[in-house]
């Protein structure tokens, strides 16, 4: 037989030996059932003990403080970026006239 036929038969025998391993790993779809745990109830949910309006007011005050602080930080950071010319505004706009650039 030719060398090519021998290589084909060798490849076929290797494939036949590998097929049972593949099927053994997959388990033919017979997996152990997953235990989902106890049925879902509302027993673990916290029960409110304060009036809604009181808690809402406290949370809104805290969140409004966070909002004001973050807005102030944004304004400060943006003004610093403009001061340092981070957005290269001067480089992107049209050049000024020679007279305006050299007013000294």
PDB file of N, CA and C in Angstrom:
ATOM      1  N   UNK A   1       0.831  -1.193   0.000  1.00  0.00           N
ATOM      2  CA  UNK A   1       0.000   0.000   0.000  1.00  0.00           C
ATOM      3  C   UNK A   1       0.871   1.250   0.000  1.00  0.00           C
ATOM      4  N   UNK A   2       0.285   2.289  -0.489  1.00  0.00           N
ATOM      5  CA  UNK A   2       1.041   3.537  -0.582  1.00  0.00           C
ATOM      6  C   UNK A   2       1.105   4.214   0.789  1.00  0.00           C
ATOM      7  N   UNK A   3       2.010   5.136   0.877  1.00  0.00           N
ATOM      8  CA  UNK A   3       2.217   5.862   2.133  1.00  0.00           C
ATOM      9  C   UNK A   3       1.001   6.714   2.478  1.00  0.00           C
ATOM     10  N   UNK A   4       0.354   7.242   1.460  1.00  0.00           N
ATOM     11  CA  UNK A   4      -0.813   8.097   1.683  1.00  0.00           C
ATOM     12  C   UNK A   4      -1.972   7.296   2.279  1.00  0.00           C
ATOM     13  N   UNK A   5      -2.209   6.086   1.768  1.00  0.00           N
ATOM     14  CA  UNK A   5      -3.282   5.240   2.299  1.00  0.00           C
ATOM     15  C   UNK A   5      -2.991   4.853   3.745  1.00  0.00           C
ATOM     16  N   UNK A   6      -1.728   4.601   4.054  1.00  0.00           N
ATOM     17  CA  UNK A   6      -1.365   4.235   5.422  1.00  0.00           C
ATOM     18  C   UNK A   6      -1.638   5.397   6.380  1.00  0.00           C
ATOM     19  N   UNK A   7      -1.374   6.608   5.930  1.00  0.00           N
ATOM     20  CA  UNK A   7      -1.633   7.775   6.777  1.00  0.00           C
ATOM     21  C   UNK A   7      -3.126   7.961   7.000  1.00  0.00           C
ATOM     22  N   UNK A   8      -3.920   7.708   5.961  1.00  0.00           N
ATOM     23  CA  UNK A   8      -5.370   7.844   6.087  1.00  0.00           C
ATOM     24  C   UNK A   8      -5.902   6.820   7.067  1.00  0.00           C
ATOM     25  N   UNK A   9      -5.447   5.538   6.940  1.00  0.00           N
ATOM     26  CA  UNK A   9      -5.906   4.500   7.868  1.00  0.00           C
ATOM     27  C   UNK A   9      -5.461   4.802   9.294  1.00  0.00           C
ATOM     28  N   UNK A  10      -4.266   5.317   9.456  1.00  0.00           N
ATOM     29  CA  UNK A  10      -3.779   5.666  10.790  1.00  0.00           C
ATOM     30  C   UNK A  10      -4.629   6.780  11.400  1.00  0.00           C
ATOM     31  N   UNK A  11      -4.982   7.740  10.586  1.00  0.00           N
ATOM     32  CA  UNK A  11      -5.833   8.835  11.051  1.00  0.00           C
ATOM     33  C   UNK A  11      -7.221   8.327  11.414  1.00  0.00           C
ATOM     34  N   UNK A  12      -7.757   7.394  10.611  1.00  0.00           N
ATOM     35  CA  UNK A  12      -9.084   6.834  10.885  1.00  0.00           C
ATOM     36  C   UNK A  12      -9.073   6.041  12.191  1.00  0.00           C
ATOM     37  N   UNK A  13      -8.033   5.256  12.431  1.00  0.00           N
ATOM     38  CA  UNK A  13      -7.948   4.496  13.681  1.00  0.00           C
ATOM     39  C   UNK A  13      -7.838   5.430  14.889  1.00  0.00           C
ATOM     40  N   UNK A  14      -7.096   6.498  14.764  1.00  0.00           N
ATOM     41  CA  UNK A  14      -6.976   7.470  15.854  1.00  0.00           C
ATOM     42  C   UNK A  14      -8.320   8.123  16.144  1.00  0.00           C
ATOM     43  N   UNK A  15      -9.063   8.430  15.093  1.00  0.00           N
ATOM     44  CA  UNK A  15     -10.384   9.035  15.272  1.00  0.00           C
ATOM     45  C   UNK A  15     -11.337   8.062  15.948  1.00  0.00           C
ATOM     46  N   UNK A  16     -11.257   6.762  15.582  1.00  0.00           N
ATOM     47  CA  UNK A  16     -12.130   5.761  16.209  1.00  0.00           C
ATOM     48  C   UNK A  16     -11.833   5.630  17.700  1.00  0.00           C
ATOM     49  N   UNK A  17     -10.575   5.732  18.072  1.00  0.00           N
ATOM     50  CA  UNK A  17     -10.227   5.644  19.489  1.00  0.00           C
ATOM     51  C   UNK A  17     -10.670   6.888  20.255  1.00  0.00           C
ATOM     52  N   UNK A  18     -10.725   8.039  19.606  1.00  0.00           N
ATOM     53  CA  UNK A  18     -11.082   9.291  20.283  1.00  0.00           C
ATOM     54  C   UNK A  18     -12.582   9.448  20.448  1.00  0.00           C
ATOM     55  N   UNK A  19     -13.388   8.819  19.586  1.00  0.00           N
ATOM     56  CA  UNK A  19     -14.848   8.989  19.630  1.00  0.00           C
ATOM     57  C   UNK A  19     -15.438   8.547  20.959  1.00  0.00           C
ATOM     58  N   UNK A  20     -15.102   7.367  21.502  1.00  0.00           N
ATOM     59  CA  UNK A  20     -15.686   6.990  22.796  1.00  0.00           C
ATOM     60  C   UNK A  20     -15.335   7.964  23.918  1.00  0.00           C
ATOM     61  N   UNK A  21     -14.151   8.550  23.870  1.00  0.00           N
ATOM     62  CA  UNK A  21     -13.773   9.519  24.899  1.00  0.00           C
ATOM     63  C   UNK A  21     -14.670  10.745  24.850  1.00  0.00           C
ATOM     64  N   UNK A  22     -14.979  11.211  23.656  1.00  0.00           N
ATOM     65  CA  UNK A  22     -15.830  12.389  23.510  1.00  0.00           C
ATOM     66  C   UNK A  22     -17.213  12.098  24.057  1.00  0.00           C
ATOM     67  N   UNK A  23     -17.777  10.922  23.727  1.00  0.00           N
ATOM     68  CA  UNK A  23     -19.114  10.591  24.212  1.00  0.00           C
ATOM     69  C   UNK A  23     -19.108  10.384  25.722  1.00  0.00           C
ATOM     70  N   UNK A  24     -18.042   9.810  26.250  1.00  0.00           N
ATOM     71  CA  UNK A  24     -17.966   9.603  27.692  1.00  0.00           C
ATOM     72  C   UNK A  24     -17.944  10.938  28.430  1.00  0.00           C
ATOM     73  N   UNK A  25     -17.265  11.931  27.876  1.00  0.00           N
ATOM     74  CA  UNK A  25     -17.181  13.233  28.528  1.00  0.00           C
ATOM     75  C   UNK A  25     -18.522  13.947  28.515  1.00  0.00           C
ATOM     76  N   UNK A  26     -19.278  13.825  27.428  1.00  0.00           N
ATOM     77  CA  UNK A  26     -20.558  14.525  27.334  1.00  0.00           C
ATOM     78  C   UNK A  26     -21.629  13.881  28.186  1.00  0.00           C
ATOM     79  N   UNK A  27     -21.549  12.605  28.473  1.00  0.00           N
ATOM     80  CA  UNK A  27     -22.515  11.942  29.329  1.00  0.00           C
ATOM     81  C   UNK A  27     -23.849  11.700  28.669  1.00  0.00           C
ATOM     82  N   UNK A  28     -23.979  11.853  27.372  1.00  0.00           N
ATOM     83  CA  UNK A  28     -25.212  11.593  26.620  1.00  0.00           C
ATOM     84  C   UNK A  28     -26.412  12.354  27.166  1.00  0.00           C
ATOM     85  N   UNK A  29     -26.210  13.495  27.803  1.00  0.00           N
ATOM     86  CA  UNK A  29     -27.331  14.292  28.282  1.00  0.00           C
ATOM     87  C   UNK A  29     -27.898  13.836  29.605  1.00  0.00           C
ATOM     88  N   UNK A  30     -27.333  12.799  30.241  1.00  0.00           N
ATOM     89  CA  UNK A  30     -27.847  12.307  31.523  1.00  0.00           C
ATOM     90  C   UNK A  30     -27.028  12.918  32.649  1.00  0.00           C
ATOM     91  N   UNK A  31     -27.373  14.136  33.011  1.00  0.00           N
ATOM     92  CA  UNK A  31     -26.653  14.815  34.080  1.00  0.00           C
ATOM     93  C   UNK A  31     -27.442  14.697  35.371  1.00  0.00           C
ATOM     94  N   UNK A  32     -26.765  14.860  36.477  1.00  0.00           N
ATOM     95  CA  UNK A  32     -27.448  14.817  37.768  1.00  0.00           C
ATOM     96  C   UNK A  32     -28.383  16.020  37.873  1.00  0.00           C
ATOM     97  N   UNK A  33     -29.567  15.842  38.442  1.00  0.00           N
ATOM     98  CA  UNK A  33     -30.495  16.973  38.553  1.00  0.00           C
ATOM     99  C   UNK A  33     -29.936  18.042  39.488  1.00  0.00           C
ATOM    100  N   UNK A  34     -30.178  19.286  39.152  1.00  0.00           N
ATOM    101  CA  UNK A  34     -29.704  20.404  39.956  1.00  0.00           C
ATOM    102  C   UNK A  34     -30.715  20.657  41.061  1.00  0.00           C
ATOM    103  N   UNK A  35     -30.247  20.768  42.293  1.00  0.00           N
ATOM    104  CA  UNK A  35     -31.132  21.038  43.415  1.00  0.00           C
ATOM    105  C   UNK A  35     -31.357  22.543  43.507  1.00  0.00           C
ATOM    106  N   UNK A  36     -32.547  23.034  43.196  1.00  0.00           N
ATOM    107  CA  UNK A  36     -32.764  24.483  43.217  1.00  0.00           C
ATOM    108  C   UNK A  36     -32.923  25.045  44.618  1.00  0.00           C
ATOM    109  N   UNK A  37     -33.016  24.208  45.639  1.00  0.00           N
ATOM    110  CA  UNK A  37     -33.175  24.693  47.003  1.00  0.00           C
ATOM    111  C   UNK A  37     -34.640  24.799  47.375  1.00  0.00           C
ATOM    112  N   UNK A  38     -34.918  25.397  48.516  1.00  0.00           N
ATOM    113  CA  UNK A  38     -36.307  25.496  48.955  1.00  0.00           C
ATOM    114  C   UNK A  38     -37.095  26.456  48.073  1.00  0.00           C
ATOM    115  N   UNK A  39     -38.410  26.356  48.085  1.00  0.00           N
ATOM    116  CA  UNK A  39     -39.206  27.275  47.280  1.00  0.00           C
ATOM    117  C   UNK A  39     -39.042  28.710  47.768  1.00  0.00           C
ATOM    118  N   UNK A  40     -39.174  29.635  46.865  1.00  0.00           N
ATOM    119  CA  UNK A  40     -38.953  31.051  47.169  1.00  0.00           C
ATOM    120  C   UNK A  40     -40.148  31.600  47.956  1.00  0.00           C
ATOM    121  N   UNK A  41     -39.855  32.189  49.092  1.00  0.00           N
ATOM    122  CA  UNK A  41     -40.900  32.829  49.896  1.00  0.00           C
ATOM    123  C   UNK A  41     -40.476  34.253  50.209  1.00  0.00           C
ATOM    124  N   UNK A  42     -41.357  35.019  50.812  1.00  0.00           N
ATOM    125  CA  UNK A  42     -41.052  36.402  51.180  1.00  0.00           C
ATOM    126  C   UNK A  42     -40.585  36.505  52.633  1.00  0.00           C
ATOM    127  N   UNK A  43     -40.262  35.371  53.271  1.00  0.00           N
ATOM    128  CA  UNK A  43     -39.868  35.388  54.677  1.00  0.00           C
ATOM    129  C   UNK A  43     -38.549  36.112  54.906  1.00  0.00           C
ATOM    130  N   UNK A  44     -37.671  36.135  53.908  1.00  0.00           N
ATOM    131  CA  UNK A  44     -36.371  36.773  54.091  1.00  0.00           C
ATOM    132  C   UNK A  44     -36.408  38.276  53.810  1.00  0.00           C
ATOM    133  N   UNK A  45     -37.519  38.806  53.379  1.00  0.00           N
ATOM    134  CA  UNK A  45     -37.625  40.238  53.086  1.00  0.00           C
ATOM    135  C   UNK A  45     -37.762  41.027  54.388  1.00  0.00           C
ATOM    136  N   UNK A  46     -37.071  42.170  54.509  1.00  0.00           N
ATOM    137  CA  UNK A  46     -37.197  42.962  55.735  1.00  0.00           C
ATOM    138  C   UNK A  46     -38.579  43.605  55.831  1.00  0.00           C
ATOM    139  N   UNK A  47     -39.072  43.683  57.047  1.00  0.00           N
ATOM    140  CA  UNK A  47     -40.371  44.301  57.299  1.00  0.00           C
ATOM    141  C   UNK A  47     -40.124  45.747  57.706  1.00  0.00           C
ATOM    142  N   UNK A  48     -40.753  46.726  57.047  1.00  0.00           N
ATOM    143  CA  UNK A  48     -40.524  48.127  57.414  1.00  0.00           C
ATOM    144  C   UNK A  48     -41.044  48.426  58.822  1.00  0.00           C
ATOM    145  N   UNK A  49     -40.272  49.246  59.564  1.00  0.00           N
ATOM    146  CA  UNK A  49     -40.684  49.597  60.923  1.00  0.00           C
ATOM    147  C   UNK A  49     -40.727  51.106  61.128  1.00  0.00           C
ATOM    148  N   UNK A  50     -40.443  51.890  60.066  1.00  0.00           N
ATOM    149  CA  UNK A  50     -40.513  53.348  60.148  1.00  0.00           C
ATOM    150  C   UNK A  50     -41.451  53.842  59.064  1.00  0.00           C
ATOM    151  N   UNK A  51     -42.018  55.030  59.257  1.00  0.00           N
ATOM    152  CA  UNK A  51     -42.889  55.580  58.210  1.00  0.00           C
ATOM    153  C   UNK A  51     -42.101  55.835  56.919  1.00  0.00           C
ATOM    154  N   UNK A  52     -42.764  55.648  55.801  1.00  0.00           N
ATOM    155  CA  UNK A  52     -42.129  55.800  54.492  1.00  0.00           C
ATOM    156  C   UNK A  52     -41.614  57.222  54.293  1.00  0.00           C
ATOM    157  N   UNK A  53     -42.408  58.220  54.665  1.00  0.00           N
ATOM    158  CA  UNK A  53     -42.024  59.616  54.411  1.00  0.00           C
ATOM    159  C   UNK A  53     -40.770  60.003  55.186  1.00  0.00           C
ATOM    160  N   UNK A  54     -40.597  59.479  56.392  1.00  0.00           N
ATOM    161  CA  UNK A  54     -39.406  59.801  57.181  1.00  0.00           C
ATOM    162  C   UNK A  54     -38.151  59.231  56.514  1.00  0.00           C
ATOM    163  N   UNK A  55     -38.204  57.964  56.146  1.00  0.00           N
ATOM    164  CA  UNK A  55     -37.051  57.316  55.513  1.00  0.00           C
ATOM    165  C   UNK A  55     -36.770  57.948  54.155  1.00  0.00           C
ATOM    166  N   UNK A  56     -37.822  58.249  53.395  1.00  0.00           N
ATOM    167  CA  UNK A  56     -37.659  58.880  52.086  1.00  0.00           C
ATOM    168  C   UNK A  56     -36.972  60.231  52.228  1.00  0.00           C
ATOM    169  N   UNK A  57     -37.389  61.021  53.213  1.00  0.00           N
ATOM    170  CA  UNK A  57     -36.778  62.334  53.427  1.00  0.00           C
ATOM    171  C   UNK A  57     -35.307  62.235  53.779  1.00  0.00           C
ATOM    172  N   UNK A  58     -34.965  61.278  54.646  1.00  0.00           N
ATOM    173  CA  UNK A  58     -33.559  61.106  55.024  1.00  0.00           C
ATOM    174  C   UNK A  58     -32.714  60.673  53.825  1.00  0.00           C
ATOM    175  N   UNK A  59     -33.220  59.726  53.064  1.00  0.00           N
ATOM    176  CA  UNK A  59     -32.460  59.255  51.905  1.00  0.00           C
ATOM    177  C   UNK A  59     -32.322  60.343  50.848  1.00  0.00           C
ATOM    178  N   UNK A  60     -33.388  61.095  50.611  1.00  0.00           N
ATOM    179  CA  UNK A  60     -33.319  62.160  49.611  1.00  0.00           C
ATOM    180  C   UNK A  60     -32.327  63.234  50.022  1.00  0.00           C
ATOM    181  N   UNK A  61     -32.268  63.563  51.314  1.00  0.00           N
ATOM    182  CA  UNK A  61     -31.293  64.552  51.779  1.00  0.00           C
ATOM    183  C   UNK A  61     -29.869  64.061  51.526  1.00  0.00           C
ATOM    184  N   UNK A  62     -29.630  62.777  51.813  1.00  0.00           N
ATOM    185  CA  UNK A  62     -28.295  62.208  51.590  1.00  0.00           C
ATOM    186  C   UNK A  62     -27.955  62.193  50.099  1.00  0.00           C
ATOM    187  N   UNK A  63     -28.898  61.758  49.277  1.00  0.00           N
ATOM    188  CA  UNK A  63     -28.625  61.678  47.842  1.00  0.00           C
ATOM    189  C   UNK A  63     -28.478  63.057  47.216  1.00  0.00           C
ATOM    190  N   UNK A  64     -29.225  64.040  47.691  1.00  0.00           N
ATOM    191  CA  UNK A  64     -29.075  65.405  47.181  1.00  0.00           C
ATOM    192  C   UNK A  64     -27.719  65.979  47.560  1.00  0.00           C
ATOM    193  N   UNK A  65     -27.203  65.625  48.744  1.00  0.00           N
ATOM    194  CA  UNK A  65     -25.858  66.053  49.136  1.00  0.00           C
ATOM    195  C   UNK A  65     -24.819  65.441  48.199  1.00  0.00           C
ATOM    196  N   UNK A  66     -24.975  64.148  47.897  1.00  0.00           N
ATOM    197  CA  UNK A  66     -24.066  63.496  46.947  1.00  0.00           C
ATOM    198  C   UNK A  66     -24.131  64.177  45.583  1.00  0.00           C
ATOM    199  N   UNK A  67     -25.331  64.498  45.139  1.00  0.00           N
ATOM    200  CA  UNK A  67     -25.502  65.137  43.833  1.00  0.00           C
ATOM    201  C   UNK A  67     -24.841  66.505  43.799  1.00  0.00           C
ATOM    202  N   UNK A  68     -25.038  67.307  44.847  1.00  0.00           N
ATOM    203  CA  UNK A  68     -24.431  68.641  44.893  1.00  0.00           C
ATOM    204  C   UNK A  68     -22.910  68.542  44.932  1.00  0.00           C
ATOM    205  N   UNK A  69     -22.389  67.603  45.716  1.00  0.00           N
ATOM    206  CA  UNK A  69     -20.939  67.437  45.791  1.00  0.00           C
ATOM    207  C   UNK A  69     -20.338  66.988  44.471  1.00  0.00           C
ATOM    208  N   UNK A  70     -20.996  66.062  43.807  1.00  0.00           N
ATOM    209  CA  UNK A  70     -20.466  65.594  42.522  1.00  0.00           C
ATOM    210  C   UNK A  70     -20.575  66.673  41.453  1.00  0.00           C
ATOM    211  N   UNK A  71     -21.630  67.480  41.505  1.00  0.00           N
ATOM    212  CA  UNK A  71     -21.761  68.579  40.545  1.00  0.00           C
ATOM    213  C   UNK A  71     -20.671  69.621  40.778  1.00  0.00           C
ATOM    214  N   UNK A  72     -20.393  69.945  42.043  1.00  0.00           N
ATOM    215  CA  UNK A  72     -19.328  70.904  42.353  1.00  0.00           C
ATOM    216  C   UNK A  72     -17.973  70.362  41.896  1.00  0.00           C
ATOM    217  N   UNK A  73     -17.733  69.077  42.111  1.00  0.00           N
ATOM    218  CA  UNK A  73     -16.474  68.480  41.667  1.00  0.00           C
ATOM    219  C   UNK A  73     -16.362  68.512  40.145  1.00  0.00           C
ATOM    220  N   UNK A  74     -17.468  68.257  39.453  1.00  0.00           N
ATOM    221  CA  UNK A  74     -17.447  68.303  37.992  1.00  0.00           C
ATOM    222  C   UNK A  74     -17.124  69.707  37.497  1.00  0.00           C
ATOM    223  N   UNK A  75     -17.760  70.724  38.093  1.00  0.00           N
ATOM    224  CA  UNK A  75     -17.494  72.108  37.683  1.00  0.00           C
ATOM    225  C   UNK A  75     -16.037  72.463  37.945  1.00  0.00           C
ATOM    226  N   UNK A  76     -15.519  72.065  39.096  1.00  0.00           N
ATOM    227  CA  UNK A  76     -14.123  72.342  39.423  1.00  0.00           C
ATOM    228  C   UNK A  76     -13.182  71.650  38.432  1.00  0.00           C
ATOM    229  N   UNK A  77     -13.424  70.376  38.143  1.00  0.00           N
ATOM    230  CA  UNK A  77     -12.556  69.631  37.225  1.00  0.00           C
ATOM    231  C   UNK A  77     -12.651  70.176  35.806  1.00  0.00           C
ATOM    232  N   UNK A  78     -13.863  70.534  35.373  1.00  0.00           N
ATOM    233  CA  UNK A  78     -14.031  71.065  34.027  1.00  0.00           C
ATOM    234  C   UNK A  78     -13.363  72.430  33.888  1.00  0.00           C
ATOM    235  N   UNK A  79     -13.500  73.280  34.915  1.00  0.00           N
ATOM    236  CA  UNK A  79     -12.861  74.598  34.835  1.00  0.00           C
ATOM    237  C   UNK A  79     -11.339  74.462  34.833  1.00  0.00           C
ATOM    238  N   UNK A  80     -10.801  73.514  35.584  1.00  0.00           N
ATOM    239  CA  UNK A  80      -9.360  73.282  35.563  1.00  0.00           C
ATOM    240  C   UNK A  80      -8.916  72.770  34.191  1.00  0.00           C
ATOM    241  N   UNK A  81      -9.715  71.909  33.579  1.00  0.00           N
ATOM    242  CA  UNK A  81      -9.375  71.392  32.252  1.00  0.00           C
ATOM    243  C   UNK A  81      -9.383  72.510  31.221  1.00  0.00           C
ATOM    244  N   UNK A  82     -10.332  73.424  31.319  1.00  0.00           N
ATOM    245  CA  UNK A  82     -10.366  74.558  30.390  1.00  0.00           C
ATOM    246  C   UNK A  82      -9.171  75.469  30.642  1.00  0.00           C
ATOM    247  N   UNK A  83      -8.825  75.685  31.915  1.00  0.00           N
ATOM    248  CA  UNK A  83      -7.684  76.531  32.265  1.00  0.00           C
ATOM    249  C   UNK A  83      -6.384  75.949  31.721  1.00  0.00           C
ATOM    250  N   UNK A  84      -6.228  74.639  31.806  1.00  0.00           N
ATOM    251  CA  UNK A  84      -5.013  73.981  31.321  1.00  0.00           C
ATOM    252  C   UNK A  84      -5.059  73.705  29.818  1.00  0.00           C
ATOM    253  N   UNK A  85      -6.126  74.067  29.154  1.00  0.00           N
ATOM    254  CA  UNK A  85      -6.324  73.878  27.716  1.00  0.00           C
ATOM    255  C   UNK A  85      -6.233  72.393  27.339  1.00  0.00           C
ATOM    256  N   UNK A  86      -6.917  71.561  28.113  1.00  0.00           N
ATOM    257  CA  UNK A  86      -6.960  70.122  27.842  1.00  0.00           C
ATOM    258  C   UNK A  86      -7.675  69.849  26.518  1.00  0.00           C
ATOM    259  N   UNK A  87      -8.680  70.647  26.216  1.00  0.00           N
ATOM    260  CA  UNK A  87      -9.492  70.424  25.020  1.00  0.00           C
ATOM    261  C   UNK A  87      -8.891  71.071  23.775  1.00  0.00           C
ATOM    262  N   UNK A  88      -7.677  71.578  23.881  1.00  0.00           N
ATOM    263  CA  UNK A  88      -6.912  72.249  22.815  1.00  0.00           C
ATOM    264  C   UNK A  88      -7.794  73.184  21.979  1.00  0.00           C
ATOM    265  N   UNK A  89      -8.550  74.008  22.677  1.00  0.00           N
ATOM    266  CA  UNK A  89      -9.447  74.948  22.008  1.00  0.00           C
ATOM    267  C   UNK A  89      -8.656  75.937  21.154  1.00  0.00           C
ATOM    268  N   UNK A  90      -7.553  76.428  21.676  1.00  0.00           N
ATOM    269  CA  UNK A  90      -6.756  77.411  20.929  1.00  0.00           C
ATOM    270  C   UNK A  90      -6.158  76.797  19.663  1.00  0.00           C
ATOM    271  N   UNK A  91      -5.796  75.534  19.712  1.00  0.00           N
ATOM    272  CA  UNK A  91      -5.180  74.894  18.551  1.00  0.00           C
ATOM    273  C   UNK A  91      -6.211  74.547  17.483  1.00  0.00           C
ATOM    274  N   UNK A  92      -7.467  74.340  17.875  1.00  0.00           N
ATOM    275  CA  UNK A  92      -8.482  73.922  16.914  1.00  0.00           C
ATOM    276  C   UNK A  92      -9.165  75.086  16.207  1.00  0.00           C
ATOM    277  N   UNK A  93      -9.179  76.253  16.836  1.00  0.00           N
ATOM    278  CA  UNK A  93      -9.882  77.366  16.194  1.00  0.00           C
ATOM    279  C   UNK A  93      -8.980  78.026  15.154  1.00  0.00           C
ATOM    280  N   UNK A  94      -9.560  78.885  14.345  1.00  0.00           N
ATOM    281  CA  UNK A  94      -8.782  79.555  13.295  1.00  0.00           C
ATOM    282  C   UNK A  94      -7.753  80.488  13.924  1.00  0.00           C
ATOM    283  N   UNK A  95      -6.617  80.640  13.290  1.00  0.00           N
ATOM    284  CA  UNK A  95      -5.566  81.478  13.868  1.00  0.00           C
ATOM    285  C   UNK A  95      -5.992  82.946  13.931  1.00  0.00           C
ATOM    286  N   UNK A  96      -5.496  83.629  14.956  1.00  0.00           N
ATOM    287  CA  UNK A  96      -5.762  85.060  15.071  1.00  0.00           C
ATOM    288  C   UNK A  96      -4.842  85.815  14.112  1.00  0.00           C
ATOM    289  N   UNK A  97      -5.164  87.066  13.903  1.00  0.00           N
ATOM    290  CA  UNK A  97      -4.332  87.867  13.005  1.00  0.00           C
ATOM    291  C   UNK A  97      -2.987  88.162  13.672  1.00  0.00           C
ATOM    292  N   UNK A  98      -2.042  88.537  12.859  1.00  0.00           N
ATOM    293  CA  UNK A  98      -0.712  88.844  13.368  1.00  0.00           C
ATOM    294  C   UNK A  98      -0.769  90.005  14.351  1.00  0.00           C
ATOM    295  N   UNK A  99      -1.590  90.980  14.059  1.00  0.00           N
ATOM    296  CA  UNK A  99      -1.708  92.170  14.908  1.00  0.00           C
ATOM    297  C   UNK A  99      -2.232  91.793  16.300  1.00  0.00           C
ATOM    298  N   UNK A 100      -3.234  90.896  16.360  1.00  0.00           N
ATOM    299  CA  UNK A 100      -3.788  90.508  17.660  1.00  0.00           C
ATOM    300  C   UNK A 100      -2.853  89.586  18.441  1.00  0.00           C
ATOM    301  N   UNK A 101      -2.058  88.796  17.763  1.00  0.00           N
ATOM    302  CA  UNK A 101      -1.140  87.900  18.460  1.00  0.00           C
ATOM    303  C   UNK A 101       0.049  88.649  19.036  1.00  0.00           C
ATOM    304  N   UNK A 102       0.446  89.769  18.441  1.00  0.00           N
ATOM    305  CA  UNK A 102       1.645  90.499  18.860  1.00  0.00           C
ATOM    306  C   UNK A 102       1.278  91.899  19.329  1.00  0.00           C
ATOM    307  N   UNK A 103       0.428  92.006  20.329  1.00  0.00           N
ATOM    308  CA  UNK A 103       0.013  93.321  20.828  1.00  0.00           C
ATOM    309  C   UNK A 103       1.011  93.913  21.809  1.00  0.00           C
ATOM    310  N   UNK A 104       2.043  93.236  22.179  1.00  0.00           N
ATOM    311  CA  UNK A 104       2.977  93.717  23.203  1.00  0.00           C
ATOM    312  C   UNK A 104       3.520  95.011  22.787  1.00  0.00           C
TER     313      UNK A 104
END
